[in-house]
């Protein structure tokens, strides 16, 4: 069964500022619950472009987790899409960070879908990922606005 996770936040920052942070994997440990970043593979035409593989590590999950994610979609100042290559017991994980100007800043929507590898564990992954995603979107909004 497909599981979905969705989190939103609003920031006073312009979409360009938010997009720059999302595109820069090295910035993520500063505003998300992730502890470290490494670029495993550069993108086809730019460092963190389409095809880039980014590796994030967290030590705060129930146990340390290393996730490998490939950037699969970029719409300047509007969207970054990625797929999970490894790190969690889920399949077909795809996420997007969508940015929408709202007149006084930016509405950020971070959403994903996946299927659990082990039947019956989808709710557990959904709950854990919802908490992580909410922290990511709130941290991104705050950092973009310069409040953290």
Protein backbone atom coordinates (compact mmCIF):
# COMPACT_ATOMS: atom_id res chain seq x y z
CA UNK A 1 0.00 0.00 0.00
CA UNK A 2 1.34 3.43 -0.95
CA UNK A 3 2.06 5.70 2.01
CA UNK A 4 2.11 9.50 1.76
CA UNK A 5 3.79 12.17 3.86
CA UNK A 6 3.11 15.88 3.48
CA UNK A 7 4.34 18.93 5.40
CA UNK A 8 4.01 22.64 4.70
CA UNK A 9 5.40 25.87 6.08
CA UNK A 10 5.48 29.49 5.11
CA UNK A 11 8.47 31.81 5.12
CA UNK A 12 8.94 35.49 4.47
CA UNK A 13 11.93 34.64 2.27
CA UNK A 14 11.71 34.77 -1.52
CA UNK A 15 11.51 31.46 -3.42
CA UNK A 16 15.03 32.05 -4.78
CA UNK A 17 16.46 32.05 -1.25
CA UNK A 18 14.56 28.89 -0.24
CA UNK A 19 15.52 27.11 -3.46
CA UNK A 20 19.21 27.95 -2.96
CA UNK A 21 19.12 26.24 0.45
CA UNK A 22 17.33 23.13 -0.84
CA UNK A 23 19.79 22.82 -3.73
CA UNK A 24 22.81 23.07 -1.40
CA UNK A 25 23.04 19.71 0.37
CA UNK A 26 25.84 21.03 2.59
CA UNK A 27 23.35 23.49 4.13
CA UNK A 28 20.90 20.76 5.23
CA UNK A 29 22.65 19.82 8.51
CA UNK A 30 22.27 23.46 9.56
CA UNK A 31 18.47 23.53 9.30
CA UNK A 32 17.28 19.91 9.33
CA UNK A 33 17.61 16.95 11.72
CA UNK A 34 20.34 15.53 9.45
CA UNK A 35 23.85 15.44 10.88
CA UNK A 36 26.03 15.31 7.78
CA UNK A 37 26.10 15.57 4.00
CA UNK A 38 28.39 14.18 1.30
CA UNK A 39 28.13 14.33 -2.46
CA UNK A 40 28.67 10.82 -3.81
CA UNK A 41 28.18 11.69 -7.47
CA UNK A 42 27.89 15.00 -9.28
CA UNK A 43 24.99 15.69 -11.59
CA UNK A 44 25.21 15.44 -15.37
CA UNK A 45 25.63 19.17 -15.98
CA UNK A 46 26.20 20.70 -12.54
CA UNK A 47 27.47 19.64 -9.15
CA UNK A 48 24.08 19.11 -7.46
CA UNK A 49 22.05 18.86 -10.64
CA UNK A 50 19.95 16.09 -12.18
CA UNK A 51 21.58 12.73 -11.48
CA UNK A 52 23.57 13.92 -8.46
CA UNK A 53 23.61 11.45 -5.57
CA UNK A 54 23.60 13.06 -2.15
CA UNK A 55 24.30 11.12 1.04
CA UNK A 56 22.81 12.27 4.33
CA UNK A 57 23.50 10.77 7.74
CA UNK A 58 21.56 11.12 10.96
CA UNK A 59 22.50 9.75 14.34
CA UNK A 60 19.18 10.61 15.99
CA UNK A 61 16.80 8.08 14.44
CA UNK A 62 16.28 5.01 16.63
CA UNK A 63 19.66 4.05 15.14
CA UNK A 64 22.06 5.83 12.76
CA UNK A 65 20.71 6.07 9.23
CA UNK A 66 22.61 6.81 6.03
CA UNK A 67 20.34 7.68 3.14
CA UNK A 68 21.38 8.01 -0.49
CA UNK A 69 19.18 10.23 -2.62
CA UNK A 70 19.32 11.04 -6.32
CA UNK A 71 18.10 14.36 -7.64
CA UNK A 72 15.62 13.62 -10.44
CA UNK A 73 13.84 16.93 -10.99
CA UNK A 74 14.79 20.59 -10.81
CA UNK A 75 12.56 23.53 -11.65
CA UNK A 76 14.51 26.67 -10.75
CA UNK A 77 13.02 28.47 -7.76
CA UNK A 78 9.97 26.15 -7.82
CA UNK A 79 10.82 22.46 -7.21
CA UNK A 80 13.46 19.93 -6.28
CA UNK A 81 12.52 16.27 -6.67
CA UNK A 82 14.51 13.29 -5.47
CA UNK A 83 14.28 9.52 -5.05
CA UNK A 84 15.70 7.41 -2.25
CA UNK A 85 18.28 4.92 -3.47
CA UNK A 86 19.05 3.29 -0.12
CA UNK A 87 18.87 3.78 3.62
CA UNK A 88 15.33 2.82 4.63
CA UNK A 89 13.25 -0.33 4.22
CA UNK A 90 10.96 1.34 1.69
CA UNK A 91 10.50 1.11 -2.07
CA UNK A 92 9.61 3.65 -4.70
CA UNK A 93 10.33 6.57 -2.37
CA UNK A 94 9.97 9.85 -4.22
CA UNK A 95 9.83 13.30 -2.68
CA UNK A 96 9.41 16.85 -3.91
CA UNK A 97 10.01 20.20 -2.28
CA UNK A 98 7.63 22.63 -3.97
CA UNK A 99 7.94 26.39 -3.58
CA UNK A 100 5.09 28.75 -4.32
CA UNK A 101 5.40 32.54 -4.07
CA UNK A 102 2.53 33.88 -2.01
CA UNK A 103 2.97 37.64 -2.28
CA UNK A 104 4.81 38.13 1.00
CA UNK A 105 7.19 35.20 0.87
CA UNK A 106 7.04 31.53 -0.03
CA UNK A 107 4.81 28.57 0.77
CA UNK A 108 6.94 25.43 1.10
CA UNK A 109 5.37 22.01 0.57
CA UNK A 110 7.55 18.95 1.14
CA UNK A 111 5.80 15.73 0.21
CA UNK A 112 6.67 12.13 -0.53
CA UNK A 113 5.24 8.72 -1.29
CA UNK A 114 6.63 5.23 -0.76
CA UNK A 115 5.76 1.59 -0.22
CA UNK A 116 7.14 -0.37 2.74
CA UNK A 117 9.38 -3.34 2.03
CA UNK A 118 7.89 -5.26 4.96
CA UNK A 119 4.07 -5.39 4.86
CA UNK A 120 2.43 -3.80 7.86
CA UNK A 121 5.29 -1.37 8.59
CA UNK A 122 4.08 1.48 6.39
CA UNK A 123 2.35 3.31 9.23
CA UNK A 124 5.53 3.24 11.30
CA UNK A 125 7.68 4.68 8.51
CA UNK A 126 4.96 7.21 7.65
CA UNK A 127 4.82 8.43 11.26
CA UNK A 128 8.60 8.71 11.62
CA UNK A 129 9.03 10.37 8.23
CA UNK A 130 6.19 12.81 8.96
CA UNK A 131 8.03 14.04 12.05
CA UNK A 132 11.31 14.35 10.18
CA UNK A 133 9.69 16.11 7.23
CA UNK A 134 7.92 18.59 9.51
CA UNK A 135 11.24 19.44 11.15
CA UNK A 136 12.86 19.83 7.73
CA UNK A 137 10.21 22.14 6.31
CA UNK A 138 10.08 24.29 9.47
CA UNK A 139 13.88 24.49 9.67
CA UNK A 140 14.09 25.39 5.99
CA UNK A 141 11.48 28.13 6.38
CA UNK A 142 13.23 29.57 9.44
CA UNK A 143 16.72 29.45 7.90
CA UNK A 144 15.53 31.05 4.67
CA UNK A 145 13.94 33.88 6.67
CA UNK A 146 17.10 34.28 8.73
CA UNK A 147 15.44 33.45 12.04
CA UNK A 148 17.83 30.56 12.86
